Amino acid sequence: GKEREGVVCISSSGDTTTHVDSVKGRFIISRDNAKNSVYLQMNNLKP
């Protein structure tokens, strides 16, 4: 019932990340270019 929301992003250089306020301090984005992968570590999850 809700619109799609941007949670967190990471630039191609990996130098810049941007978080929506509701996940700051809880969610961490990272990327491993050698594995063509991006990860989202989510801590202290809420309903």
ModelCIF file with pLDDT and N, C-alpha, C, O atoms, coordinates in Angstrom:
data_MODEL
#
_entry.id   MODEL 
#
_entity.id                         1 
_entity.type                       polymer 
_entity.pdbx_number_of_molecules   1 
#
_entity_poly.entity_id                      1 
_entity_poly.type                           'polypeptide(L)' 
_entity_poly.nstd_linkage                   no 
_entity_poly.nstd_monomer                   no 
_entity_poly.pdbx_seq_one_letter_code       GKEREGVVCISSSGDTTTHVDSVKGRFIISRDNAKNSVYLQMNNLKP 
_entity_poly.pdbx_seq_one_letter_code_can   GKEREGVVCISSSGDTTTHVDSVKGRFIISRDNAKNSVYLQMNNLKP 
_entity_poly.pdbx_strand_id                 A 
#
loop_
_entity_poly_seq.entity_id 
_entity_poly_seq.num 
_entity_poly_seq.mon_id 
_entity_poly_seq.hetero 
1 1  GLY n 
1 2  LYS n 
1 3  GLU n 
1 4  ARG n 
1 5  GLU n 
1 6  GLY n 
1 7  VAL n 
1 8  VAL n 
1 9  CYS n 
1 10 ILE n 
1 11 SER n 
1 12 SER n 
1 13 SER n 
1 14 GLY n 
1 15 ASP n 
1 16 THR n 
1 17 THR n 
1 18 THR n 
1 19 HIS n 
1 20 VAL n 
1 21 ASP n 
1 22 SER n 
1 23 VAL n 
1 24 LYS n 
1 25 GLY n 
1 26 ARG n 
1 27 PHE n 
1 28 ILE n 
1 29 ILE n 
1 30 SER n 
1 31 ARG n 
1 32 ASP n 
1 33 ASN n 
1 34 ALA n 
1 35 LYS n 
1 36 ASN n 
1 37 SER n 
1 38 VAL n 
1 39 TYR n 
1 40 LEU n 
1 41 GLN n 
1 42 MET n 
1 43 ASN n 
1 44 ASN n 
1 45 LEU n 
1 46 LYS n 
1 47 PRO n 
#
_struct_asym.id          A 
_struct_asym.entity_id   1 
#
loop_
_ma_qa_metric.id 
_ma_qa_metric.mode 
_ma_qa_metric.name 
_ma_qa_metric.software_group_id 
_ma_qa_metric.type 
1 global pLDDT . pLDDT 
2 local  pLDDT . pLDDT 
#
_ma_qa_metric_global.metric_id      1 
_ma_qa_metric_global.metric_value   94.77 
_ma_qa_metric_global.model_id       1 
_ma_qa_metric_global.ordinal_id     1 
#
loop_
_ma_qa_metric_local.label_asym_id 
_ma_qa_metric_local.label_comp_id 
_ma_qa_metric_local.label_seq_id 
_ma_qa_metric_local.metric_id 
_ma_qa_metric_local.metric_value 
_ma_qa_metric_local.model_id 
_ma_qa_metric_local.ordinal_id 
A GLY 1  2 94.00 1 1  
A LYS 2  2 95.00 1 2  
A GLU 3  2 95.00 1 3  
A ARG 4  2 96.00 1 4  
A GLU 5  2 96.00 1 5  
A GLY 6  2 97.00 1 6  
A VAL 7  2 97.00 1 7  
A VAL 8  2 97.00 1 8  
A CYS 9  2 97.00 1 9  
A ILE 10 2 96.00 1 10 
A SER 11 2 95.00 1 11 
A SER 12 2 92.00 1 12 
A SER 13 2 91.00 1 13 
A GLY 14 2 89.00 1 14 
A ASP 15 2 90.00 1 15 
A THR 16 2 91.00 1 16 
A THR 17 2 89.00 1 17 
A THR 18 2 90.00 1 18 
A HIS 19 2 91.00 1 19 
A VAL 20 2 91.00 1 20 
A ASP 21 2 92.00 1 21 
A SER 22 2 94.00 1 22 
A VAL 23 2 96.00 1 23 
A LYS 24 2 95.00 1 24 
A GLY 25 2 95.00 1 25 
A ARG 26 2 97.00 1 26 
A PHE 27 2 97.00 1 27 
A ILE 28 2 97.00 1 28 
A ILE 29 2 97.00 1 29 
A SER 30 2 96.00 1 30 
A ARG 31 2 95.00 1 31 
A ASP 32 2 94.00 1 32 
A ASN 33 2 91.00 1 33 
A ALA 34 2 91.00 1 34 
A LYS 35 2 93.00 1 35 
A ASN 36 2 93.00 1 36 
A SER 37 2 95.00 1 37 
A VAL 38 2 97.00 1 38 
A TYR 39 2 97.00 1 39 
A LEU 40 2 98.00 1 40 
A GLN 41 2 98.00 1 41 
A MET 42 2 98.00 1 42 
A ASN 43 2 98.00 1 43 
A ASN 44 2 98.00 1 44 
A LEU 45 2 98.00 1 45 
A LYS 46 2 98.00 1 46 
A PRO 47 2 97.00 1 47 
#
loop_
_atom_site.group_PDB 
_atom_site.id 
_atom_site.type_symbol 
_atom_site.label_atom_id 
_atom_site.label_alt_id 
_atom_site.label_comp_id 
_atom_site.label_asym_id 
_atom_site.label_entity_id 
_atom_site.label_seq_id 
_atom_site.pdbx_PDB_ins_code 
_atom_site.Cartn_x 
_atom_site.Cartn_y 
_atom_site.Cartn_z 
_atom_site.occupancy 
_atom_site.B_iso_or_equiv 
_atom_site.pdbx_formal_charge 
_atom_site.auth_seq_id 
_atom_site.auth_comp_id 
_atom_site.auth_asym_id 
_atom_site.auth_atom_id 
_atom_site.pdbx_PDB_model_num 
ATOM 1   N N  . GLY A 1 1  ? 0.775  -1.226  0.000  1.00 94.00 ? 1  GLY A N  1 
ATOM 2   C CA . GLY A 1 1  ? 0.000  0.000   0.000  1.00 94.00 ? 1  GLY A CA 1 
ATOM 3   C C  . GLY A 1 1  ? 0.808  1.279   0.000  1.00 94.00 ? 1  GLY A C  1 
ATOM 4   O O  . GLY A 1 1  ? 0.251  2.374   0.084  1.00 94.00 ? 1  GLY A O  1 
ATOM 5   N N  . LYS A 1 2  ? 2.130  1.144   -0.095 1.00 95.00 ? 2  LYS A N  1 
ATOM 6   C CA . LYS A 1 2  ? 2.989  2.334   -0.073 1.00 95.00 ? 2  LYS A CA 1 
ATOM 7   C C  . LYS A 1 2  ? 3.817  2.418   -1.356 1.00 95.00 ? 2  LYS A C  1 
ATOM 8   O O  . LYS A 1 2  ? 3.991  1.437   -2.079 1.00 95.00 ? 2  LYS A O  1 
ATOM 9   N N  . GLU A 1 3  ? 4.314  3.614   -1.604 1.00 95.00 ? 3  GLU A N  1 
ATOM 10  C CA . GLU A 1 3  ? 5.170  3.806   -2.767 1.00 95.00 ? 3  GLU A CA 1 
ATOM 11  C C  . GLU A 1 3  ? 6.567  3.248   -2.504 1.00 95.00 ? 3  GLU A C  1 
ATOM 12  O O  . GLU A 1 3  ? 6.994  3.096   -1.359 1.00 95.00 ? 3  GLU A O  1 
ATOM 13  N N  . ARG A 1 4  ? 7.266  2.947   -3.605 1.00 96.00 ? 4  ARG A N  1 
ATOM 14  C CA . ARG A 1 4  ? 8.644  2.492   -3.468 1.00 96.00 ? 4  ARG A CA 1 
ATOM 15  C C  . ARG A 1 4  ? 9.502  3.626   -2.892 1.00 96.00 ? 4  ARG A C  1 
ATOM 16  O O  . ARG A 1 4  ? 9.377  4.782   -3.297 1.00 96.00 ? 4  ARG A O  1 
ATOM 17  N N  . GLU A 1 5  ? 10.357 3.280   -1.958 1.00 96.00 ? 5  GLU A N  1 
ATOM 18  C CA . GLU A 1 5  ? 11.158 4.257   -1.215 1.00 96.00 ? 5  GLU A CA 1 
ATOM 19  C C  . GLU A 1 5  ? 12.642 3.937   -1.364 1.00 96.00 ? 5  GLU A C  1 
ATOM 20  O O  . GLU A 1 5  ? 13.059 2.787   -1.227 1.00 96.00 ? 5  GLU A O  1 
ATOM 21  N N  . GLY A 1 6  ? 13.426 4.965   -1.645 1.00 97.00 ? 6  GLY A N  1 
ATOM 22  C CA . GLY A 1 6  ? 14.867 4.798   -1.653 1.00 97.00 ? 6  GLY A CA 1 
ATOM 23  C C  . GLY A 1 6  ? 15.381 4.670   -0.233 1.00 97.00 ? 6  GLY A C  1 
ATOM 24  O O  . GLY A 1 6  ? 15.112 5.533   0.602  1.00 97.00 ? 6  GLY A O  1 
ATOM 25  N N  . VAL A 1 7  ? 16.115 3.609   0.051  1.00 97.00 ? 7  VAL A N  1 
ATOM 26  C CA . VAL A 1 7  ? 16.615 3.347   1.396  1.00 97.00 ? 7  VAL A CA 1 
ATOM 27  C C  . VAL A 1 7  ? 18.055 3.839   1.555  1.00 97.00 ? 7  VAL A C  1 
ATOM 28  O O  . VAL A 1 7  ? 18.370 4.601   2.469  1.00 97.00 ? 7  VAL A O  1 
ATOM 29  N N  . VAL A 1 8  ? 18.908 3.392   0.659  1.00 97.00 ? 8  VAL A N  1 
ATOM 30  C CA . VAL A 1 8  ? 20.319 3.760   0.745  1.00 97.00 ? 8  VAL A CA 1 
ATOM 31  C C  . VAL A 1 8  ? 20.945 3.529   -0.615 1.00 97.00 ? 8  VAL A C  1 
ATOM 32  O O  . VAL A 1 8  ? 20.532 2.631   -1.349 1.00 97.00 ? 8  VAL A O  1 
ATOM 33  N N  . CYS A 1 9  ? 21.933 4.329   -0.951 1.00 97.00 ? 9  CYS A N  1 
ATOM 34  C CA . CYS A 1 9  ? 22.627 4.152   -2.229 1.00 97.00 ? 9  CYS A CA 1 
ATOM 35  C C  . CYS A 1 9  ? 24.117 4.338   -2.027 1.00 97.00 ? 9  CYS A C  1 
ATOM 36  O O  . CYS A 1 9  ? 24.562 4.885   -1.019 1.00 97.00 ? 9  CYS A O  1 
ATOM 37  N N  . ILE A 1 10 ? 24.885 3.868   -3.013 1.00 96.00 ? 10 ILE A N  1 
ATOM 38  C CA . ILE A 1 10 ? 26.339 4.001   -2.984 1.00 96.00 ? 10 ILE A CA 1 
ATOM 39  C C  . ILE A 1 10 ? 26.804 4.364   -4.392 1.00 96.00 ? 10 ILE A C  1 
ATOM 40  O O  . ILE A 1 10 ? 26.354 3.780   -5.378 1.00 96.00 ? 10 ILE A O  1 
ATOM 41  N N  . SER A 1 11 ? 27.703 5.328   -4.469 1.00 95.00 ? 11 SER A N  1 
ATOM 42  C CA . SER A 1 11 ? 28.188 5.776   -5.767 1.00 95.00 ? 11 SER A CA 1 
ATOM 43  C C  . SER A 1 11 ? 29.084 4.713   -6.403 1.00 95.00 ? 11 SER A C  1 
ATOM 44  O O  . SER A 1 11 ? 29.515 3.773   -5.735 1.00 95.00 ? 11 SER A O  1 
ATOM 45  N N  . SER A 1 12 ? 29.356 4.869   -7.689 1.00 92.00 ? 12 SER A N  1 
ATOM 46  C CA . SER A 1 12 ? 30.189 3.879   -8.365 1.00 92.00 ? 12 SER A CA 1 
ATOM 47  C C  . SER A 1 12 ? 31.608 3.856   -7.795 1.00 92.00 ? 12 SER A C  1 
ATOM 48  O O  . SER A 1 12 ? 32.259 2.811   -7.800 1.00 92.00 ? 12 SER A O  1 
ATOM 49  N N  . SER A 1 13 ? 32.088 4.992   -7.307 1.00 91.00 ? 13 SER A N  1 
ATOM 50  C CA . SER A 1 13 ? 33.417 5.041   -6.694 1.00 91.00 ? 13 SER A CA 1 
ATOM 51  C C  . SER A 1 13 ? 33.436 4.388   -5.322 1.00 91.00 ? 13 SER A C  1 
ATOM 52  O O  . SER A 1 13 ? 34.492 4.000   -4.822 1.00 91.00 ? 13 SER A O  1 
ATOM 53  N N  . GLY A 1 14 ? 32.256 4.271   -4.716 1.00 89.00 ? 14 GLY A N  1 
ATOM 54  C CA . GLY A 1 14 ? 32.171 3.750   -3.353 1.00 89.00 ? 14 GLY A CA 1 
ATOM 55  C C  . GLY A 1 14 ? 32.408 4.819   -2.291 1.00 89.00 ? 14 GLY A C  1 
ATOM 56  O O  . GLY A 1 14 ? 32.329 4.543   -1.093 1.00 89.00 ? 14 GLY A O  1 
ATOM 57  N N  . ASP A 1 15 ? 32.698 6.040   -2.736 1.00 90.00 ? 15 ASP A N  1 
ATOM 58  C CA . ASP A 1 15 ? 33.048 7.085   -1.772 1.00 90.00 ? 15 ASP A CA 1 
ATOM 59  C C  . ASP A 1 15 ? 31.828 7.720   -1.114 1.00 90.00 ? 15 ASP A C  1 
ATOM 60  O O  . ASP A 1 15 ? 31.928 8.277   -0.020 1.00 90.00 ? 15 ASP A O  1 
ATOM 61  N N  . THR A 1 16 ? 30.685 7.638   -1.773 1.00 91.00 ? 16 THR A N  1 
ATOM 62  C CA . THR A 1 16 ? 29.501 8.352   -1.299 1.00 91.00 ? 16 THR A CA 1 
ATOM 63  C C  . THR A 1 16 ? 28.374 7.382   -1.026 1.00 91.00 ? 16 THR A C  1 
ATOM 64  O O  . THR A 1 16 ? 28.066 6.526   -1.856 1.00 91.00 ? 16 THR A O  1 
ATOM 65  N N  . THR A 1 17 ? 27.762 7.512   0.131  1.00 89.00 ? 17 THR A N  1 
ATOM 66  C CA . THR A 1 17 ? 26.538 6.786   0.435  1.00 89.00 ? 17 THR A CA 1 
ATOM 67  C C  . THR A 1 17 ? 25.498 7.779   0.939  1.00 89.00 ? 17 THR A C  1 
ATOM 68  O O  . THR A 1 17 ? 25.832 8.794   1.550  1.00 89.00 ? 17 THR A O  1 
ATOM 69  N N  . THR A 1 18 ? 24.257 7.477   0.677  1.00 90.00 ? 18 THR A N  1 
ATOM 70  C CA . THR A 1 18 ? 23.150 8.327   1.104  1.00 90.00 ? 18 THR A CA 1 
ATOM 71  C C  . THR A 1 18 ? 22.065 7.443   1.701  1.00 90.00 ? 18 THR A C  1 
ATOM 72  O O  . THR A 1 18 ? 21.658 6.452   1.095  1.00 90.00 ? 18 THR A O  1 
ATOM 73  N N  . HIS A 1 19 ? 21.601 7.806   2.888  1.00 91.00 ? 19 HIS A N  1 
ATOM 74  C CA . HIS A 1 19 ? 20.598 7.019   3.585  1.00 91.00 ? 19 HIS A CA 1 
ATOM 75  C C  . HIS A 1 19 ? 19.328 7.839   3.796  1.00 91.00 ? 19 HIS A C  1 
ATOM 76  O O  . HIS A 1 19 ? 19.387 9.049   4.015  1.00 91.00 ? 19 HIS A O  1 
ATOM 77  N N  . VAL A 1 20 ? 18.197 7.176   3.729  1.00 91.00 ? 20 VAL A N  1 
ATOM 78  C CA . VAL A 1 20 ? 16.973 7.813   4.187  1.00 91.00 ? 20 VAL A CA 1 
ATOM 79  C C  . VAL A 1 20 ? 17.047 7.925   5.710  1.00 91.00 ? 20 VAL A C  1 
ATOM 80  O O  . VAL A 1 20 ? 17.631 7.063   6.368  1.00 91.00 ? 20 VAL A O  1 
ATOM 81  N N  . ASP A 1 21 ? 16.466 8.969   6.264  1.00 92.00 ? 21 ASP A N  1 
ATOM 82  C CA . ASP A 1 21 ? 16.624 9.246   7.697  1.00 92.00 ? 21 ASP A CA 1 
ATOM 83  C C  . ASP A 1 21 ? 16.213 8.080   8.587  1.00 92.00 ? 21 ASP A C  1 
ATOM 84  O O  . ASP A 1 21 ? 16.826 7.850   9.629  1.00 92.00 ? 21 ASP A O  1 
ATOM 85  N N  . SER A 1 22 ? 15.196 7.353   8.190  1.00 94.00 ? 22 SER A N  1 
ATOM 86  C CA . SER A 1 22 ? 14.651 6.300   9.048  1.00 94.00 ? 22 SER A CA 1 
ATOM 87  C C  . SER A 1 22 ? 15.605 5.125   9.250  1.00 94.00 ? 22 SER A C  1 
ATOM 88  O O  . SER A 1 22 ? 15.392 4.317   10.154 1.00 94.00 ? 22 SER A O  1 
ATOM 89  N N  . VAL A 1 23 ? 16.646 5.013   8.435  1.00 96.00 ? 23 VAL A N  1 
ATOM 90  C CA . VAL A 1 23 ? 17.565 3.878   8.571  1.00 96.00 ? 23 VAL A CA 1 
ATOM 91  C C  . VAL A 1 23 ? 18.972 4.299   8.963  1.00 96.00 ? 23 VAL A C  1 
ATOM 92  O O  . VAL A 1 23 ? 19.847 3.449   9.127  1.00 96.00 ? 23 VAL A O  1 
ATOM 93  N N  . LYS A 1 24 ? 19.199 5.576   9.113  1.00 95.00 ? 24 LYS A N  1 
ATOM 94  C CA . LYS A 1 24 ? 20.536 6.056   9.487  1.00 95.00 ? 24 LYS A CA 1 
ATOM 95  C C  . LYS A 1 24 ? 20.958 5.451   10.823 1.00 95.00 ? 24 LYS A C  1 
ATOM 96  O O  . LYS A 1 24 ? 20.191 5.425   11.786 1.00 95.00 ? 24 LYS A O  1 
ATOM 97  N N  . GLY A 1 25 ? 22.200 4.965   10.854 1.00 95.00 ? 25 GLY A N  1 
ATOM 98  C CA . GLY A 1 25 ? 22.712 4.338   12.064 1.00 95.00 ? 25 GLY A CA 1 
ATOM 99  C C  . GLY A 1 25 ? 22.328 2.881   12.210 1.00 95.00 ? 25 GLY A C  1 
ATOM 100 O O  . GLY A 1 25 ? 22.800 2.209   13.127 1.00 95.00 ? 25 GLY A O  1 
ATOM 101 N N  . ARG A 1 26 ? 21.478 2.376   11.321 1.00 97.00 ? 26 ARG A N  1 
ATOM 102 C CA . ARG A 1 26 ? 21.046 0.976   11.399 1.00 97.00 ? 26 ARG A CA 1 
ATOM 103 C C  . ARG A 1 26 ? 21.405 0.175   10.152 1.00 97.00 ? 26 ARG A C  1 
ATOM 104 O O  . ARG A 1 26 ? 21.756 -1.000  10.259 1.00 97.00 ? 26 ARG A O  1 
ATOM 105 N N  . PHE A 1 27 ? 21.325 0.778   8.989  1.00 97.00 ? 27 PHE A N  1 
ATOM 106 C CA . PHE A 1 27 ? 21.572 0.081   7.723  1.00 97.00 ? 27 PHE A CA 1 
ATOM 107 C C  . PHE A 1 27 ? 22.907 0.537   7.139  1.00 97.00 ? 27 PHE A C  1 
ATOM 108 O O  . PHE A 1 27 ? 23.257 1.716   7.185  1.00 97.00 ? 27 PHE A O  1 
ATOM 109 N N  . ILE A 1 28 ? 23.634 -0.423  6.592  1.00 97.00 ? 28 ILE A N  1 
ATOM 110 C CA . ILE A 1 28 ? 24.936 -0.130  5.980  1.00 97.00 ? 28 ILE A CA 1 
ATOM 111 C C  . ILE A 1 28 ? 24.983 -0.760  4.597  1.00 97.00 ? 28 ILE A C  1 
ATOM 112 O O  . ILE A 1 28 ? 24.725 -1.953  4.439  1.00 97.00 ? 28 ILE A O  1 
ATOM 113 N N  . ILE A 1 29 ? 25.311 0.044   3.606  1.00 97.00 ? 29 ILE A N  1 
ATOM 114 C CA . ILE A 1 29 ? 25.471 -0.474  2.247  1.00 97.00 ? 29 ILE A CA 1 
ATOM 115 C C  . ILE A 1 29 ? 26.957 -0.638  1.965  1.00 97.00 ? 29 ILE A C  1 
ATOM 116 O O  . ILE A 1 29 ? 27.777 0.167   2.404  1.00 97.00 ? 29 ILE A O  1 
ATOM 117 N N  . SER A 1 30 ? 27.291 -1.686  1.231  1.00 96.00 ? 30 SER A N  1 
ATOM 118 C CA . SER A 1 30 ? 28.671 -1.889  0.808  1.00 96.00 ? 30 SER A CA 1 
ATOM 119 C C  . SER A 1 30 ? 28.666 -2.578  -0.546 1.00 96.00 ? 30 SER A C  1 
ATOM 120 O O  . SER A 1 30 ? 27.663 -3.162  -0.956 1.00 96.00 ? 30 SER A O  1 
ATOM 121 N N  . ARG A 1 31 ? 29.784 -2.504  -1.227 1.00 95.00 ? 31 ARG A N  1 
ATOM 122 C CA . ARG A 1 31 ? 29.871 -3.136  -2.539 1.00 95.00 ? 31 ARG A CA 1 
ATOM 123 C C  . ARG A 1 31 ? 31.213 -3.846  -2.670 1.00 95.00 ? 31 ARG A C  1 
ATOM 124 O O  . ARG A 1 31 ? 32.221 -3.424  -2.104 1.00 95.00 ? 31 ARG A O  1 
ATOM 125 N N  . ASP A 1 32 ? 31.197 -4.917  -3.420 1.00 94.00 ? 32 ASP A N  1 
ATOM 126 C CA . ASP A 1 32 ? 32.405 -5.672  -3.736 1.00 94.00 ? 32 ASP A CA 1 
ATOM 127 C C  . ASP A 1 32 ? 32.435 -5.796  -5.254 1.00 94.00 ? 32 ASP A C  1 
ATOM 128 O O  . ASP A 1 32 ? 31.765 -6.654  -5.828 1.00 94.00 ? 32 ASP A O  1 
ATOM 129 N N  . ASN A 1 33 ? 33.206 -4.944  -5.891 1.00 91.00 ? 33 ASN A N  1 
ATOM 130 C CA . ASN A 1 33 ? 33.219 -4.922  -7.354 1.00 91.00 ? 33 ASN A CA 1 
ATOM 131 C C  . ASN A 1 33 ? 33.814 -6.203  -7.940 1.00 91.00 ? 33 ASN A C  1 
ATOM 132 O O  . ASN A 1 33 ? 33.442 -6.619  -9.037 1.00 91.00 ? 33 ASN A O  1 
ATOM 133 N N  . ALA A 1 34 ? 34.722 -6.814  -7.222 1.00 91.00 ? 34 ALA A N  1 
ATOM 134 C CA . ALA A 1 34 ? 35.324 -8.054  -7.722 1.00 91.00 ? 34 ALA A CA 1 
ATOM 135 C C  . ALA A 1 34 ? 34.300 -9.178  -7.815 1.00 91.00 ? 34 ALA A C  1 
ATOM 136 O O  . ALA A 1 34 ? 34.449 -10.111 -8.604 1.00 91.00 ? 34 ALA A O  1 
ATOM 137 N N  . LYS A 1 35 ? 33.253 -9.069  -6.993 1.00 93.00 ? 35 LYS A N  1 
ATOM 138 C CA . LYS A 1 35 ? 32.197 -10.087 -6.982 1.00 93.00 ? 35 LYS A CA 1 
ATOM 139 C C  . LYS A 1 35 ? 30.917 -9.591  -7.640 1.00 93.00 ? 35 LYS A C  1 
ATOM 140 O O  . LYS A 1 35 ? 29.893 -10.274 -7.598 1.00 93.00 ? 35 LYS A O  1 
ATOM 141 N N  . ASN A 1 36 ? 30.967 -8.400  -8.252 1.00 93.00 ? 36 ASN A N  1 
ATOM 142 C CA . ASN A 1 36 ? 29.760 -7.829  -8.861 1.00 93.00 ? 36 ASN A CA 1 
ATOM 143 C C  . ASN A 1 36 ? 28.588 -7.837  -7.886 1.00 93.00 ? 36 ASN A C  1 
ATOM 144 O O  . ASN A 1 36 ? 27.469 -8.206  -8.241 1.00 93.00 ? 36 ASN A O  1 
ATOM 145 N N  . SER A 1 37 ? 28.862 -7.426  -6.662 1.00 95.00 ? 37 SER A N  1 
ATOM 146 C CA . SER A 1 37 ? 27.858 -7.551  -5.609 1.00 95.00 ? 37 SER A CA 1 
ATOM 147 C C  . SER A 1 37 ? 27.701 -6.257  -4.820 1.00 95.00 ? 37 SER A C  1 
ATOM 148 O O  . SER A 1 37 ? 28.629 -5.458  -4.699 1.00 95.00 ? 37 SER A O  1 
ATOM 149 N N  . VAL A 1 38 ? 26.508 -6.081  -4.294 1.00 97.00 ? 38 VAL A N  1 
ATOM 150 C CA . VAL A 1 38 ? 26.222 -5.012  -3.349 1.00 97.00 ? 38 VAL A CA 1 
ATOM 151 C C  . VAL A 1 38 ? 25.437 -5.634  -2.203 1.00 97.00 ? 38 VAL A C  1 
ATOM 152 O O  . VAL A 1 38 ? 24.634 -6.545  -2.404 1.00 97.00 ? 38 VAL A O  1 
ATOM 153 N N  . TYR A 1 39 ? 25.679 -5.133  -1.008 1.00 97.00 ? 39 TYR A N  1 
ATOM 154 C CA . TYR A 1 39 ? 25.099 -5.714  0.193  1.00 97.00 ? 39 TYR A CA 1 
ATOM 155 C C  . TYR A 1 39 ? 24.363 -4.643  0.995  1.00 97.00 ? 39 TYR A C  1 
ATOM 156 O O  . TYR A 1 39 ? 24.675 -3.455  0.913  1.00 97.00 ? 39 TYR A O  1 
ATOM 157 N N  . LEU A 1 40 ? 23.392 -5.090  1.760  1.00 98.00 ? 40 LEU A N  1 
ATOM 158 C CA . LEU A 1 40 ? 22.698 -4.219  2.698  1.00 98.00 ? 40 LEU A CA 1 
ATOM 159 C C  . LEU A 1 40 ? 22.652 -4.920  4.040  1.00 98.00 ? 40 LEU A C  1 
ATOM 160 O O  . LEU A 1 40 ? 21.908 -5.883  4.228  1.00 98.00 ? 40 LEU A O  1 
ATOM 161 N N  . GLN A 1 41 ? 23.453 -4.430  4.969  1.00 98.00 ? 41 GLN A N  1 
ATOM 162 C CA . GLN A 1 41 ? 23.440 -4.939  6.340  1.00 98.00 ? 41 GLN A CA 1 
ATOM 163 C C  . GLN A 1 41 ? 22.391 -4.148  7.113  1.00 98.00 ? 41 GLN A C  1 
ATOM 164 O O  . GLN A 1 41 ? 22.488 -2.928  7.244  1.00 98.00 ? 41 GLN A O  1 
ATOM 165 N N  . MET A 1 42 ? 21.407 -4.845  7.613  1.00 98.00 ? 42 MET A N  1 
ATOM 166 C CA . MET A 1 42 ? 20.305 -4.201  8.333  1.00 98.00 ? 42 MET A CA 1 
ATOM 167 C C  . MET A 1 42 ? 20.336 -4.642  9.785  1.00 98.00 ? 42 MET A C  1 
ATOM 168 O O  . MET A 1 42 ? 20.190 -5.827  10.083 1.00 98.00 ? 42 MET A O  1 
ATOM 169 N N  . ASN A 1 43 ? 20.523 -3.700  10.678 1.00 98.00 ? 43 ASN A N  1 
ATOM 170 C CA . ASN A 1 43 ? 20.608 -3.968  12.109 1.00 98.00 ? 43 ASN A CA 1 
ATOM 171 C C  . ASN A 1 43 ? 19.452 -3.297  12.841 1.00 98.00 ? 43 ASN A C  1 
ATOM 172 O O  . ASN A 1 43 ? 18.831 -2.360  12.341 1.00 98.00 ? 43 ASN A O  1 
ATOM 173 N N  . ASN A 1 44 ? 19.185 -3.803  14.035 1.00 98.00 ? 44 ASN A N  1 
ATOM 174 C CA . ASN A 1 44 ? 18.127 -3.233  14.871 1.00 98.00 ? 44 ASN A CA 1 
ATOM 175 C C  . ASN A 1 44 ? 16.834 -3.048  14.060 1.00 98.00 ? 44 ASN A C  1 
ATOM 176 O O  . ASN A 1 44 ? 16.239 -1.970  14.040 1.00 98.00 ? 44 ASN A O  1 
ATOM 177 N N  . LEU A 1 45 ? 16.433 -4.102  13.414 1.00 98.00 ? 45 LEU A N  1 
ATOM 178 C CA . LEU A 1 45 ? 15.267 -4.017  12.542 1.00 98.00 ? 45 LEU A CA 1 
ATOM 179 C C  . LEU A 1 45 ? 13.994 -3.735  13.318 1.00 98.00 ? 45 LEU A C  1 
ATOM 180 O O  . LEU A 1 45 ? 13.823 -4.181  14.452 1.00 98.00 ? 45 LEU A O  1 
ATOM 181 N N  . LYS A 1 46 ? 13.105 -2.987  12.683 1.00 98.00 ? 46 LYS A N  1 
ATOM 182 C CA . LYS A 1 46 ? 11.841 -2.586  13.279 1.00 98.00 ? 46 LYS A CA 1 
ATOM 183 C C  . LYS A 1 46 ? 10.687 -3.099  12.411 1.00 98.00 ? 46 LYS A C  1 
ATOM 184 O O  . LYS A 1 46 ? 10.878 -3.341  11.219 1.00 98.00 ? 46 LYS A O  1 
ATOM 185 N N  . PRO A 1 47 ? 9.514  -3.264  12.982 1.00 97.00 ? 47 PRO A N  1 
ATOM 186 C CA . PRO A 1 47 ? 8.377  -3.726  12.169 1.00 97.00 ? 47 PRO A CA 1 
ATOM 187 C C  . PRO A 1 47 ? 8.124  -2.842  10.949 1.00 97.00 ? 47 PRO A C  1 
ATOM 188 O O  . PRO A 1 47 ? 7.203  -3.106  10.176 1.00 97.00 ? 47 PRO A O  1 
#
